[in-house]
Amino acid sequence: MTEEEPRIRLVMELRRLGIKDLNVLSAMERVPRDEFVPAPFRERGWDNLALPIGNGQTISQPHIVAFMSEALEVGDRHKVLEIGTGSGYQAAILSTLCRRLYTIERVKPLLQTAERRFEIMRLQNIVTRWGDGTRGWPDQGTFDRIMITAASPSVPPPLLDQLGPGGVLVAPIGPLDGEQSIVRIRRTESGFAEEILLDVRFVPLIAGPTHEG
């Protein structure tokens, strides 16, 4: 098997599953997912399944990463906030689609590992922060797009406050002990409009940073 075959196979599967955005498909092909998983799972890195990354966290199934990226409707002039850096894979995908990506992770060892990956891959439009993602990044003003990569019963109000006019937020919303739904929220002149897109299961969104690995 050549180096390109797993990438092409994944993109073909994503197309079959309904992903249409060519920029998202290109990003999914170009960003080396196998570099974002621990060594024991490296050979499964291009498979369409979630994998453990340590600290009780997972790297999401590629279909979910592509689906959420497409749902976010990212443009190359957009300023994007991601809540939950995790392995850094979703951040790397988004960084190829937007002008600048701000990403927050509460687990310091995970963030440090992701930062090393960004440096190796020369992803220079990613800005990282160790902290409480439920508070967002208020000193950066508002964002054109916000993605939350962990589940909560509702979107934390500070994140809605930081969504700019006409902005889009995508997040898994629902009970933490059951199935959630990916929800897309648009900020309109009169408030917020919400769409339910896909049933999913995500790890919970937890407030407060931690040093623990």
N, C-alpha and C. Protein backbone atom coordinates (compact mmCIF):
# COMPACT_ATOMS: atom_id res chain seq x y z
N MET A 1 0.84 -1.20 0.00
CA MET A 1 0.00 0.00 0.00
C MET A 1 0.88 1.25 0.00
N THR A 2 0.59 2.19 -0.89
CA THR A 2 1.36 3.42 -0.95
C THR A 2 0.92 4.35 0.18
N GLU A 3 1.72 5.40 0.41
CA GLU A 3 1.41 6.36 1.46
C GLU A 3 0.10 7.09 1.18
N GLU A 4 -0.24 7.26 -0.10
CA GLU A 4 -1.44 8.02 -0.46
C GLU A 4 -2.73 7.20 -0.36
N GLU A 5 -2.63 5.89 -0.44
CA GLU A 5 -3.84 5.06 -0.51
C GLU A 5 -4.76 5.22 0.70
N PRO A 6 -4.25 5.21 1.96
CA PRO A 6 -5.16 5.38 3.10
C PRO A 6 -5.87 6.73 3.07
N ARG A 7 -5.18 7.78 2.62
CA ARG A 7 -5.77 9.11 2.54
C ARG A 7 -6.92 9.12 1.52
N ILE A 8 -6.64 8.55 0.35
CA ILE A 8 -7.65 8.52 -0.71
C ILE A 8 -8.85 7.69 -0.29
N ARG A 9 -8.58 6.56 0.37
CA ARG A 9 -9.66 5.69 0.83
C ARG A 9 -10.57 6.43 1.82
N LEU A 10 -9.94 7.20 2.74
CA LEU A 10 -10.72 7.94 3.72
C LEU A 10 -11.58 9.01 3.03
N VAL A 11 -11.00 9.75 2.10
CA VAL A 11 -11.76 10.81 1.42
C VAL A 11 -12.93 10.21 0.64
N MET A 12 -12.71 9.07 0.00
CA MET A 12 -13.81 8.42 -0.74
C MET A 12 -14.92 8.00 0.22
N GLU A 13 -14.55 7.51 1.40
CA GLU A 13 -15.56 7.12 2.39
C GLU A 13 -16.34 8.34 2.88
N LEU A 14 -15.62 9.45 3.11
CA LEU A 14 -16.29 10.67 3.56
C LEU A 14 -17.27 11.17 2.50
N ARG A 15 -16.90 11.07 1.24
CA ARG A 15 -17.81 11.45 0.16
C ARG A 15 -19.06 10.58 0.19
N ARG A 16 -18.87 9.29 0.39
CA ARG A 16 -20.03 8.38 0.44
C ARG A 16 -20.95 8.71 1.61
N LEU A 17 -20.35 9.22 2.68
CA LEU A 17 -21.13 9.56 3.87
C LEU A 17 -21.77 10.94 3.78
N GLY A 18 -21.56 11.63 2.65
CA GLY A 18 -22.28 12.88 2.42
C GLY A 18 -21.49 14.16 2.56
N ILE A 19 -20.19 14.08 2.82
CA ILE A 19 -19.37 15.29 2.91
C ILE A 19 -19.13 15.82 1.50
N LYS A 20 -19.52 17.07 1.26
CA LYS A 20 -19.45 17.64 -0.09
C LYS A 20 -18.46 18.79 -0.23
N ASP A 21 -18.16 19.48 0.88
CA ASP A 21 -17.29 20.66 0.81
C ASP A 21 -15.88 20.26 0.36
N LEU A 22 -15.47 20.75 -0.80
CA LEU A 22 -14.18 20.34 -1.36
C LEU A 22 -13.01 20.81 -0.51
N ASN A 23 -13.15 21.97 0.13
CA ASN A 23 -12.07 22.45 0.99
C ASN A 23 -11.91 21.56 2.21
N VAL A 24 -13.02 21.11 2.78
CA VAL A 24 -12.96 20.19 3.91
C VAL A 24 -12.36 18.86 3.49
N LEU A 25 -12.79 18.32 2.37
CA LEU A 25 -12.25 17.05 1.89
C LEU A 25 -10.75 17.16 1.62
N SER A 26 -10.32 18.29 1.06
CA SER A 26 -8.90 18.50 0.81
C SER A 26 -8.11 18.55 2.11
N ALA A 27 -8.66 19.23 3.11
CA ALA A 27 -8.00 19.30 4.41
C ALA A 27 -7.90 17.92 5.05
N MET A 28 -8.97 17.14 4.95
CA MET A 28 -8.97 15.79 5.52
C MET A 28 -7.92 14.90 4.85
N GLU A 29 -7.68 15.14 3.58
CA GLU A 29 -6.67 14.37 2.85
C GLU A 29 -5.26 14.82 3.20
N ARG A 30 -5.06 16.13 3.38
CA ARG A 30 -3.72 16.67 3.54
C ARG A 30 -3.18 16.55 4.97
N VAL A 31 -4.06 16.74 5.97
CA VAL A 31 -3.59 16.72 7.36
C VAL A 31 -3.36 15.26 7.79
N PRO A 32 -2.15 14.91 8.21
CA PRO A 32 -1.82 13.51 8.52
C PRO A 32 -2.39 13.05 9.86
N ARG A 33 -3.59 12.49 9.82
CA ARG A 33 -4.26 12.10 11.07
C ARG A 33 -3.44 11.10 11.88
N ASP A 34 -2.67 10.26 11.20
CA ASP A 34 -1.88 9.26 11.93
C ASP A 34 -0.83 9.89 12.83
N GLU A 35 -0.48 11.17 12.58
CA GLU A 35 0.47 11.87 13.43
C GLU A 35 -0.17 12.41 14.71
N PHE A 36 -1.48 12.31 14.82
CA PHE A 36 -2.20 12.86 15.97
C PHE A 36 -2.68 11.78 16.93
N VAL A 37 -2.30 10.54 16.70
CA VAL A 37 -2.71 9.45 17.58
C VAL A 37 -1.48 8.83 18.23
N PRO A 38 -1.62 8.23 19.42
CA PRO A 38 -0.48 7.58 20.07
C PRO A 38 0.08 6.46 19.19
N ALA A 39 1.37 6.18 19.38
CA ALA A 39 2.09 5.22 18.54
C ALA A 39 1.38 3.86 18.42
N PRO A 40 0.80 3.29 19.49
CA PRO A 40 0.16 1.98 19.35
C PRO A 40 -1.02 1.96 18.37
N PHE A 41 -1.59 3.13 18.08
CA PHE A 41 -2.76 3.20 17.19
C PHE A 41 -2.41 3.82 15.84
N ARG A 42 -1.12 4.04 15.59
CA ARG A 42 -0.72 4.78 14.39
C ARG A 42 -1.20 4.10 13.11
N GLU A 43 -1.17 2.79 13.07
CA GLU A 43 -1.58 2.07 11.85
C GLU A 43 -3.08 2.18 11.59
N ARG A 44 -3.84 2.60 12.60
CA ARG A 44 -5.29 2.82 12.41
C ARG A 44 -5.61 4.29 12.18
N GLY A 45 -4.59 5.12 12.07
CA GLY A 45 -4.77 6.56 12.05
C GLY A 45 -5.65 7.07 10.93
N TRP A 46 -5.68 6.37 9.78
CA TRP A 46 -6.49 6.82 8.65
C TRP A 46 -7.84 6.10 8.57
N ASP A 47 -8.13 5.26 9.57
CA ASP A 47 -9.42 4.56 9.59
C ASP A 47 -10.50 5.50 10.12
N ASN A 48 -11.73 5.28 9.67
CA ASN A 48 -12.84 6.14 10.07
C ASN A 48 -13.43 5.67 11.39
N LEU A 49 -12.65 5.83 12.46
CA LEU A 49 -13.12 5.48 13.78
C LEU A 49 -12.42 6.34 14.82
N ALA A 50 -13.08 6.52 15.97
CA ALA A 50 -12.49 7.27 17.07
C ALA A 50 -11.41 6.42 17.72
N LEU A 51 -10.37 7.09 18.26
CA LEU A 51 -9.26 6.40 18.90
C LEU A 51 -8.90 7.10 20.21
N PRO A 52 -8.43 6.33 21.22
CA PRO A 52 -8.03 6.97 22.48
C PRO A 52 -6.72 7.74 22.32
N ILE A 53 -6.64 8.90 23.02
CA ILE A 53 -5.40 9.69 22.97
C ILE A 53 -4.84 9.91 24.37
N GLY A 54 -5.40 9.21 25.38
CA GLY A 54 -4.94 9.38 26.75
C GLY A 54 -5.76 10.43 27.48
N ASN A 55 -5.55 10.51 28.81
CA ASN A 55 -6.23 11.48 29.65
C ASN A 55 -7.76 11.35 29.57
N GLY A 56 -8.25 10.15 29.25
CA GLY A 56 -9.68 9.92 29.15
C GLY A 56 -10.32 10.57 27.94
N GLN A 57 -9.52 10.97 26.96
CA GLN A 57 -10.02 11.68 25.79
C GLN A 57 -9.85 10.82 24.53
N THR A 58 -10.53 11.21 23.47
CA THR A 58 -10.42 10.50 22.19
C THR A 58 -10.19 11.50 21.07
N ILE A 59 -9.64 11.00 19.98
CA ILE A 59 -9.63 11.75 18.72
C ILE A 59 -10.88 11.31 17.97
N SER A 60 -11.69 12.26 17.57
CA SER A 60 -12.99 11.94 16.99
C SER A 60 -12.87 11.17 15.68
N GLN A 61 -13.90 10.43 15.37
CA GLN A 61 -14.02 9.76 14.08
C GLN A 61 -13.87 10.79 12.96
N PRO A 62 -13.09 10.50 11.91
CA PRO A 62 -12.91 11.47 10.82
C PRO A 62 -14.21 11.98 10.22
N HIS A 63 -15.23 11.11 10.12
CA HIS A 63 -16.50 11.58 9.58
C HIS A 63 -17.08 12.71 10.43
N ILE A 64 -16.97 12.60 11.76
CA ILE A 64 -17.51 13.62 12.65
C ILE A 64 -16.69 14.91 12.52
N VAL A 65 -15.36 14.78 12.42
CA VAL A 65 -14.50 15.95 12.23
C VAL A 65 -14.88 16.67 10.93
N ALA A 66 -15.03 15.90 9.86
CA ALA A 66 -15.39 16.50 8.57
C ALA A 66 -16.80 17.10 8.62
N PHE A 67 -17.73 16.39 9.26
CA PHE A 67 -19.11 16.86 9.33
C PHE A 67 -19.20 18.19 10.08
N MET A 68 -18.53 18.27 11.23
CA MET A 68 -18.58 19.49 12.02
C MET A 68 -17.86 20.64 11.31
N SER A 69 -16.76 20.31 10.63
CA SER A 69 -16.03 21.34 9.88
C SER A 69 -16.88 21.89 8.75
N GLU A 70 -17.57 21.02 8.05
CA GLU A 70 -18.46 21.45 6.97
C GLU A 70 -19.63 22.27 7.52
N ALA A 71 -20.20 21.81 8.63
CA ALA A 71 -21.34 22.51 9.22
C ALA A 71 -20.97 23.91 9.70
N LEU A 72 -19.70 24.12 10.04
CA LEU A 72 -19.25 25.41 10.56
C LEU A 72 -19.18 26.48 9.47
N GLU A 73 -19.12 26.04 8.21
CA GLU A 73 -19.12 26.98 7.07
C GLU A 73 -17.98 27.99 7.19
N VAL A 74 -16.76 27.47 7.31
CA VAL A 74 -15.59 28.32 7.54
C VAL A 74 -15.10 28.91 6.22
N GLY A 75 -14.76 30.21 6.27
CA GLY A 75 -14.16 30.88 5.13
C GLY A 75 -12.73 31.30 5.43
N ASP A 76 -11.96 31.59 4.40
CA ASP A 76 -10.54 31.84 4.59
C ASP A 76 -10.23 33.19 5.25
N ARG A 77 -11.23 34.03 5.50
CA ARG A 77 -11.03 35.28 6.23
C ARG A 77 -11.56 35.20 7.66
N HIS A 78 -12.04 34.05 8.05
CA HIS A 78 -12.69 33.93 9.35
C HIS A 78 -11.71 33.76 10.50
N LYS A 79 -12.11 34.31 11.62
CA LYS A 79 -11.43 34.13 12.91
C LYS A 79 -12.25 33.11 13.69
N VAL A 80 -11.62 31.99 14.03
CA VAL A 80 -12.34 30.83 14.57
C VAL A 80 -11.85 30.50 15.98
N LEU A 81 -12.78 30.16 16.85
CA LEU A 81 -12.46 29.68 18.20
C LEU A 81 -12.85 28.22 18.32
N GLU A 82 -11.92 27.40 18.81
CA GLU A 82 -12.21 25.98 19.09
C GLU A 82 -12.09 25.75 20.59
N ILE A 83 -13.08 25.10 21.15
CA ILE A 83 -13.07 24.74 22.57
C ILE A 83 -12.79 23.25 22.67
N GLY A 84 -11.62 22.89 23.19
CA GLY A 84 -11.22 21.50 23.33
C GLY A 84 -10.21 21.09 22.28
N THR A 85 -8.94 21.43 22.50
CA THR A 85 -7.89 21.13 21.51
C THR A 85 -7.68 19.64 21.36
N GLY A 86 -7.69 18.92 22.49
CA GLY A 86 -7.48 17.47 22.43
C GLY A 86 -6.16 17.11 21.77
N SER A 87 -6.23 16.23 20.79
CA SER A 87 -5.02 15.80 20.07
C SER A 87 -4.48 16.91 19.18
N GLY A 88 -5.33 17.88 18.83
CA GLY A 88 -4.93 18.93 17.89
C GLY A 88 -5.39 18.67 16.47
N TYR A 89 -5.99 17.51 16.22
CA TYR A 89 -6.36 17.16 14.84
C TYR A 89 -7.45 18.07 14.28
N GLN A 90 -8.53 18.26 15.04
CA GLN A 90 -9.59 19.15 14.56
C GLN A 90 -9.06 20.57 14.35
N ALA A 91 -8.19 21.01 15.25
CA ALA A 91 -7.59 22.34 15.10
C ALA A 91 -6.78 22.43 13.81
N ALA A 92 -6.02 21.39 13.51
CA ALA A 92 -5.22 21.38 12.29
C ALA A 92 -6.10 21.46 11.05
N ILE A 93 -7.21 20.73 11.06
CA ILE A 93 -8.15 20.79 9.94
C ILE A 93 -8.70 22.20 9.79
N LEU A 94 -9.17 22.78 10.89
CA LEU A 94 -9.76 24.12 10.83
C LEU A 94 -8.73 25.16 10.40
N SER A 95 -7.48 24.98 10.81
CA SER A 95 -6.45 25.97 10.48
C SER A 95 -6.21 26.07 8.98
N THR A 96 -6.50 25.01 8.24
CA THR A 96 -6.33 25.06 6.79
C THR A 96 -7.49 25.78 6.11
N LEU A 97 -8.57 26.00 6.85
CA LEU A 97 -9.79 26.58 6.28
C LEU A 97 -9.98 28.05 6.63
N CYS A 98 -9.34 28.53 7.71
CA CYS A 98 -9.63 29.87 8.22
C CYS A 98 -8.39 30.75 8.21
N ARG A 99 -8.60 32.02 8.57
CA ARG A 99 -7.47 32.97 8.66
C ARG A 99 -6.66 32.71 9.92
N ARG A 100 -7.34 32.62 11.05
CA ARG A 100 -6.64 32.36 12.31
C ARG A 100 -7.54 31.54 13.23
N LEU A 101 -6.91 30.56 13.89
CA LEU A 101 -7.64 29.68 14.80
C LEU A 101 -7.12 29.87 16.21
N TYR A 102 -8.03 30.08 17.14
CA TYR A 102 -7.73 30.15 18.57
C TYR A 102 -8.31 28.89 19.20
N THR A 103 -7.48 28.15 19.94
CA THR A 103 -7.95 26.88 20.49
C THR A 103 -7.57 26.79 21.97
N ILE A 104 -8.53 26.34 22.79
CA ILE A 104 -8.37 26.25 24.24
C ILE A 104 -8.47 24.80 24.69
N GLU A 105 -7.56 24.37 25.55
CA GLU A 105 -7.58 23.02 26.12
C GLU A 105 -7.39 23.12 27.63
N ARG A 106 -8.17 22.37 28.40
CA ARG A 106 -8.08 22.41 29.85
C ARG A 106 -7.03 21.46 30.41
N VAL A 107 -6.66 20.40 29.67
CA VAL A 107 -5.70 19.40 30.15
C VAL A 107 -4.32 19.77 29.62
N LYS A 108 -3.45 20.23 30.50
CA LYS A 108 -2.17 20.80 30.05
C LYS A 108 -1.31 19.82 29.26
N PRO A 109 -1.16 18.56 29.69
CA PRO A 109 -0.32 17.64 28.89
C PRO A 109 -0.84 17.45 27.47
N LEU A 110 -2.16 17.40 27.30
CA LEU A 110 -2.72 17.27 25.95
C LEU A 110 -2.37 18.50 25.11
N LEU A 111 -2.50 19.68 25.70
CA LEU A 111 -2.20 20.91 24.96
C LEU A 111 -0.73 20.96 24.56
N GLN A 112 0.15 20.58 25.47
CA GLN A 112 1.58 20.62 25.17
C GLN A 112 1.94 19.67 24.02
N THR A 113 1.31 18.50 24.01
CA THR A 113 1.55 17.56 22.91
C THR A 113 1.03 18.12 21.60
N ALA A 114 -0.17 18.70 21.63
CA ALA A 114 -0.74 19.30 20.42
C ALA A 114 0.13 20.44 19.92
N GLU A 115 0.64 21.26 20.82
CA GLU A 115 1.49 22.39 20.43
C GLU A 115 2.75 21.91 19.72
N ARG A 116 3.32 20.81 20.19
CA ARG A 116 4.51 20.27 19.51
C ARG A 116 4.16 19.81 18.09
N ARG A 117 2.99 19.21 17.94
CA ARG A 117 2.57 18.79 16.60
C ARG A 117 2.38 19.99 15.68
N PHE A 118 1.75 21.04 16.19
CA PHE A 118 1.55 22.25 15.37
C PHE A 118 2.89 22.82 14.93
N GLU A 119 3.86 22.80 15.85
CA GLU A 119 5.18 23.36 15.53
C GLU A 119 5.87 22.52 14.46
N ILE A 120 5.82 21.21 14.60
CA ILE A 120 6.46 20.32 13.63
C ILE A 120 5.82 20.51 12.25
N MET A 121 4.50 20.68 12.21
CA MET A 121 3.77 20.82 10.95
C MET A 121 3.74 22.27 10.44
N ARG A 122 4.35 23.18 11.21
CA ARG A 122 4.43 24.59 10.82
C ARG A 122 3.04 25.20 10.58
N LEU A 123 2.14 24.90 11.49
CA LEU A 123 0.79 25.47 11.43
C LEU A 123 0.83 26.79 12.20
N GLN A 124 1.18 27.84 11.51
CA GLN A 124 1.53 29.10 12.17
C GLN A 124 0.32 30.02 12.43
N ASN A 125 -0.85 29.62 11.97
CA ASN A 125 -2.04 30.46 12.23
C ASN A 125 -2.89 29.93 13.38
N ILE A 126 -2.28 29.08 14.22
CA ILE A 126 -2.98 28.55 15.40
C ILE A 126 -2.43 29.22 16.65
N VAL A 127 -3.33 29.76 17.48
CA VAL A 127 -2.97 30.34 18.77
C VAL A 127 -3.60 29.49 19.86
N THR A 128 -2.81 29.06 20.83
CA THR A 128 -3.29 28.12 21.84
C THR A 128 -3.41 28.78 23.21
N ARG A 129 -4.26 28.20 24.03
CA ARG A 129 -4.38 28.65 25.42
C ARG A 129 -4.74 27.46 26.29
N TRP A 130 -4.07 27.37 27.45
CA TRP A 130 -4.46 26.41 28.49
C TRP A 130 -5.42 27.12 29.42
N GLY A 131 -6.65 26.60 29.55
CA GLY A 131 -7.61 27.29 30.39
C GLY A 131 -8.99 26.67 30.33
N ASP A 132 -9.94 27.43 30.82
CA ASP A 132 -11.33 26.99 30.94
C ASP A 132 -12.09 27.37 29.66
N GLY A 133 -12.37 26.39 28.83
CA GLY A 133 -13.04 26.66 27.56
C GLY A 133 -14.45 27.17 27.71
N THR A 134 -15.10 26.88 28.84
CA THR A 134 -16.47 27.35 29.02
C THR A 134 -16.55 28.87 29.11
N ARG A 135 -15.41 29.52 29.36
CA ARG A 135 -15.37 30.98 29.43
C ARG A 135 -14.98 31.62 28.10
N GLY A 136 -14.58 30.78 27.15
CA GLY A 136 -14.16 31.30 25.86
C GLY A 136 -12.85 32.06 25.96
N TRP A 137 -12.71 33.06 25.06
CA TRP A 137 -11.47 33.83 24.98
C TRP A 137 -11.86 35.31 24.86
N PRO A 138 -12.41 35.89 25.95
CA PRO A 138 -13.03 37.21 25.85
C PRO A 138 -12.08 38.33 25.44
N ASP A 139 -10.78 38.22 25.77
CA ASP A 139 -9.87 39.30 25.40
C ASP A 139 -9.53 39.31 23.92
N GLN A 140 -10.06 38.36 23.16
CA GLN A 140 -9.90 38.36 21.70
C GLN A 140 -11.14 38.92 21.00
N GLY A 141 -12.08 39.42 21.78
CA GLY A 141 -13.28 39.99 21.17
C GLY A 141 -14.24 38.92 20.69
N THR A 142 -14.86 39.15 19.54
CA THR A 142 -15.81 38.17 19.01
C THR A 142 -15.19 37.36 17.90
N PHE A 143 -15.83 36.23 17.61
CA PHE A 143 -15.34 35.30 16.61
C PHE A 143 -16.39 35.10 15.52
N ASP A 144 -15.91 34.85 14.29
CA ASP A 144 -16.82 34.56 13.19
C ASP A 144 -17.42 33.17 13.32
N ARG A 145 -16.62 32.25 13.85
CA ARG A 145 -17.04 30.86 13.99
C ARG A 145 -16.53 30.32 15.31
N ILE A 146 -17.34 29.47 15.96
CA ILE A 146 -16.93 28.79 17.19
C ILE A 146 -17.31 27.32 17.09
N MET A 147 -16.36 26.44 17.41
CA MET A 147 -16.64 25.01 17.48
C MET A 147 -16.32 24.51 18.88
N ILE A 148 -17.25 23.75 19.44
CA ILE A 148 -17.05 23.10 20.73
C ILE A 148 -16.93 21.60 20.48
N THR A 149 -15.86 20.98 20.97
CA THR A 149 -15.61 19.57 20.66
C THR A 149 -15.84 18.66 21.86
N ALA A 150 -16.65 19.13 22.82
CA ALA A 150 -17.08 18.30 23.95
C ALA A 150 -18.53 18.66 24.25
N ALA A 151 -19.24 17.72 24.84
CA ALA A 151 -20.70 17.86 24.98
C ALA A 151 -21.09 18.56 26.27
N SER A 152 -22.18 19.32 26.18
CA SER A 152 -22.79 19.92 27.37
C SER A 152 -24.30 20.02 27.14
N PRO A 153 -25.07 20.14 28.22
CA PRO A 153 -26.53 20.23 28.06
C PRO A 153 -26.96 21.46 27.29
N SER A 154 -26.15 22.52 27.36
CA SER A 154 -26.44 23.75 26.61
C SER A 154 -25.13 24.48 26.36
N VAL A 155 -25.15 25.44 25.45
CA VAL A 155 -23.94 26.20 25.15
C VAL A 155 -23.68 27.19 26.29
N PRO A 156 -22.46 27.19 26.85
CA PRO A 156 -22.15 28.17 27.90
C PRO A 156 -22.40 29.60 27.41
N PRO A 157 -23.12 30.42 28.19
CA PRO A 157 -23.44 31.77 27.74
C PRO A 157 -22.26 32.62 27.28
N PRO A 158 -21.07 32.51 27.91
CA PRO A 158 -19.95 33.33 27.42
C PRO A 158 -19.59 33.05 25.96
N LEU A 159 -19.80 31.82 25.52
CA LEU A 159 -19.47 31.47 24.14
C LEU A 159 -20.48 32.09 23.18
N LEU A 160 -21.74 32.10 23.56
CA LEU A 160 -22.74 32.77 22.73
C LEU A 160 -22.44 34.27 22.66
N ASP A 161 -22.01 34.83 23.79
CA ASP A 161 -21.68 36.26 23.81
C ASP A 161 -20.52 36.59 22.88
N GLN A 162 -19.59 35.63 22.70
CA GLN A 162 -18.40 35.87 21.89
C GLN A 162 -18.59 35.52 20.41
N LEU A 163 -19.78 35.09 20.04
CA LEU A 163 -20.10 34.82 18.65
C LEU A 163 -20.52 36.13 17.98
N GLY A 164 -19.79 36.53 16.95
CA GLY A 164 -20.05 37.80 16.30
C GLY A 164 -21.32 37.80 15.48
N PRO A 165 -21.75 38.99 15.01
CA PRO A 165 -22.94 39.10 14.17
C PRO A 165 -22.82 38.24 12.91
N GLY A 166 -23.85 37.45 12.65
CA GLY A 166 -23.82 36.55 11.50
C GLY A 166 -22.96 35.32 11.73
N GLY A 167 -22.45 35.16 12.94
CA GLY A 167 -21.55 34.05 13.24
C GLY A 167 -22.26 32.72 13.36
N VAL A 168 -21.46 31.65 13.30
CA VAL A 168 -21.98 30.28 13.39
C VAL A 168 -21.23 29.54 14.49
N LEU A 169 -21.96 28.82 15.31
CA LEU A 169 -21.38 27.97 16.36
C LEU A 169 -21.87 26.54 16.14
N VAL A 170 -20.97 25.57 16.24
CA VAL A 170 -21.32 24.16 16.10
C VAL A 170 -20.84 23.43 17.34
N ALA A 171 -21.72 22.62 17.93
CA ALA A 171 -21.38 21.93 19.18
C ALA A 171 -22.27 20.72 19.38
N PRO A 172 -21.75 19.68 20.09
CA PRO A 172 -22.62 18.58 20.53
C PRO A 172 -23.36 18.98 21.79
N ILE A 173 -24.69 18.94 21.74
CA ILE A 173 -25.52 19.39 22.85
C ILE A 173 -26.46 18.26 23.28
N GLY A 174 -26.58 18.06 24.59
CA GLY A 174 -27.49 17.04 25.09
C GLY A 174 -27.02 16.50 26.42
N PRO A 175 -27.73 15.49 26.97
CA PRO A 175 -27.37 14.93 28.27
C PRO A 175 -26.00 14.26 28.22
N LEU A 176 -25.24 14.42 29.31
CA LEU A 176 -23.87 13.88 29.31
C LEU A 176 -23.85 12.36 29.46
N ASP A 177 -24.95 11.77 29.95
CA ASP A 177 -25.01 10.32 30.13
C ASP A 177 -25.78 9.62 29.02
N GLY A 178 -26.00 10.34 27.91
CA GLY A 178 -26.74 9.74 26.81
C GLY A 178 -26.30 10.30 25.48
N GLU A 179 -27.17 10.16 24.50
CA GLU A 179 -26.84 10.61 23.15
C GLU A 179 -27.07 12.11 23.03
N GLN A 180 -26.12 12.78 22.37
CA GLN A 180 -26.26 14.21 22.11
C GLN A 180 -26.51 14.42 20.61
N SER A 181 -26.71 15.66 20.24
CA SER A 181 -26.88 16.02 18.83
C SER A 181 -25.91 17.15 18.49
N ILE A 182 -25.32 17.06 17.29
CA ILE A 182 -24.57 18.21 16.80
C ILE A 182 -25.57 19.28 16.42
N VAL A 183 -25.38 20.46 16.99
CA VAL A 183 -26.29 21.59 16.79
C VAL A 183 -25.53 22.73 16.13
N ARG A 184 -26.16 23.37 15.17
CA ARG A 184 -25.58 24.57 14.56
C ARG A 184 -26.42 25.78 14.97
N ILE A 185 -25.77 26.77 15.55
CA ILE A 185 -26.44 27.97 16.02
C ILE A 185 -25.92 29.17 15.23
N ARG A 186 -26.83 29.94 14.67
CA ARG A 186 -26.46 31.16 13.94
C ARG A 186 -26.89 32.38 14.74
N ARG A 187 -26.00 33.36 14.79
CA ARG A 187 -26.37 34.63 15.45
C ARG A 187 -27.05 35.53 14.42
N THR A 188 -28.29 35.87 14.67
CA THR A 188 -29.06 36.69 13.76
C THR A 188 -29.26 38.08 14.37
N GLU A 189 -29.89 38.96 13.63
CA GLU A 189 -30.15 40.31 14.15
C GLU A 189 -31.08 40.29 15.35
N SER A 190 -31.92 39.26 15.41
CA SER A 190 -32.91 39.19 16.50
C SER A 190 -32.54 38.22 17.61
N GLY A 191 -31.42 37.50 17.46
CA GLY A 191 -31.05 36.54 18.50
C GLY A 191 -30.25 35.38 17.93
N PHE A 192 -30.74 34.14 18.19
CA PHE A 192 -30.03 32.95 17.74
C PHE A 192 -31.02 31.98 17.09
N ALA A 193 -30.59 31.37 15.99
CA ALA A 193 -31.38 30.34 15.31
C ALA A 193 -30.63 29.02 15.41
N GLU A 194 -31.34 27.96 15.74
CA GLU A 194 -30.70 26.67 16.03
C GLU A 194 -31.20 25.58 15.08
N GLU A 195 -30.26 24.75 14.61
CA GLU A 195 -30.58 23.57 13.79
C GLU A 195 -29.97 22.33 14.44
N ILE A 196 -30.71 21.24 14.50
CA ILE A 196 -30.18 19.96 14.96
C ILE A 196 -29.76 19.15 13.74
N LEU A 197 -28.51 18.69 13.73
CA LEU A 197 -27.94 18.11 12.51
C LEU A 197 -27.70 16.60 12.56
N LEU A 198 -27.16 16.09 13.67
CA LEU A 198 -26.71 14.69 13.68
C LEU A 198 -26.59 14.19 15.11
N ASP A 199 -27.04 12.95 15.37
CA ASP A 199 -26.89 12.36 16.69
C ASP A 199 -25.46 11.85 16.89
N VAL A 200 -24.89 12.13 18.07
CA VAL A 200 -23.49 11.78 18.34
C VAL A 200 -23.32 11.44 19.82
N ARG A 201 -22.11 11.01 20.17
CA ARG A 201 -21.71 10.87 21.58
C ARG A 201 -20.32 11.48 21.74
N PHE A 202 -20.19 12.43 22.63
CA PHE A 202 -18.92 13.10 22.90
C PHE A 202 -18.58 13.02 24.38
N VAL A 203 -17.30 13.18 24.70
CA VAL A 203 -16.90 13.34 26.10
C VAL A 203 -17.46 14.66 26.62
N PRO A 204 -17.67 14.79 27.93
CA PRO A 204 -18.30 16.00 28.46
C PRO A 204 -17.38 17.22 28.46
N LEU A 205 -17.99 18.38 28.30
CA LEU A 205 -17.30 19.66 28.45
C LEU A 205 -17.18 19.95 29.93
N ILE A 206 -15.95 20.12 30.41
CA ILE A 206 -15.69 20.30 31.84
C ILE A 206 -15.08 21.68 32.06
N ALA A 207 -15.56 22.39 33.05
CA ALA A 207 -15.03 23.71 33.36
C ALA A 207 -13.73 23.57 34.17
N GLY A 208 -12.83 24.54 34.00
CA GLY A 208 -11.63 24.61 34.81
C GLY A 208 -10.45 23.87 34.23
N PRO A 209 -9.26 24.49 34.21
CA PRO A 209 -8.06 23.84 33.69
C PRO A 209 -7.47 22.85 34.70
N THR A 210 -6.65 21.92 34.21
CA THR A 210 -5.98 20.97 35.08
C THR A 210 -4.59 20.67 34.55
N HIS A 211 -3.64 20.46 35.47
CA HIS A 211 -2.28 20.05 35.10
C HIS A 211 -2.20 18.55 34.91
N GLU A 212 -3.19 17.82 35.37
CA GLU A 212 -3.09 16.36 35.47
C GLU A 212 -3.02 15.71 34.10
N GLY A 213 -2.15 14.68 34.00
CA GLY A 213 -2.02 13.93 32.77
C GLY A 213 -2.59 12.55 32.92
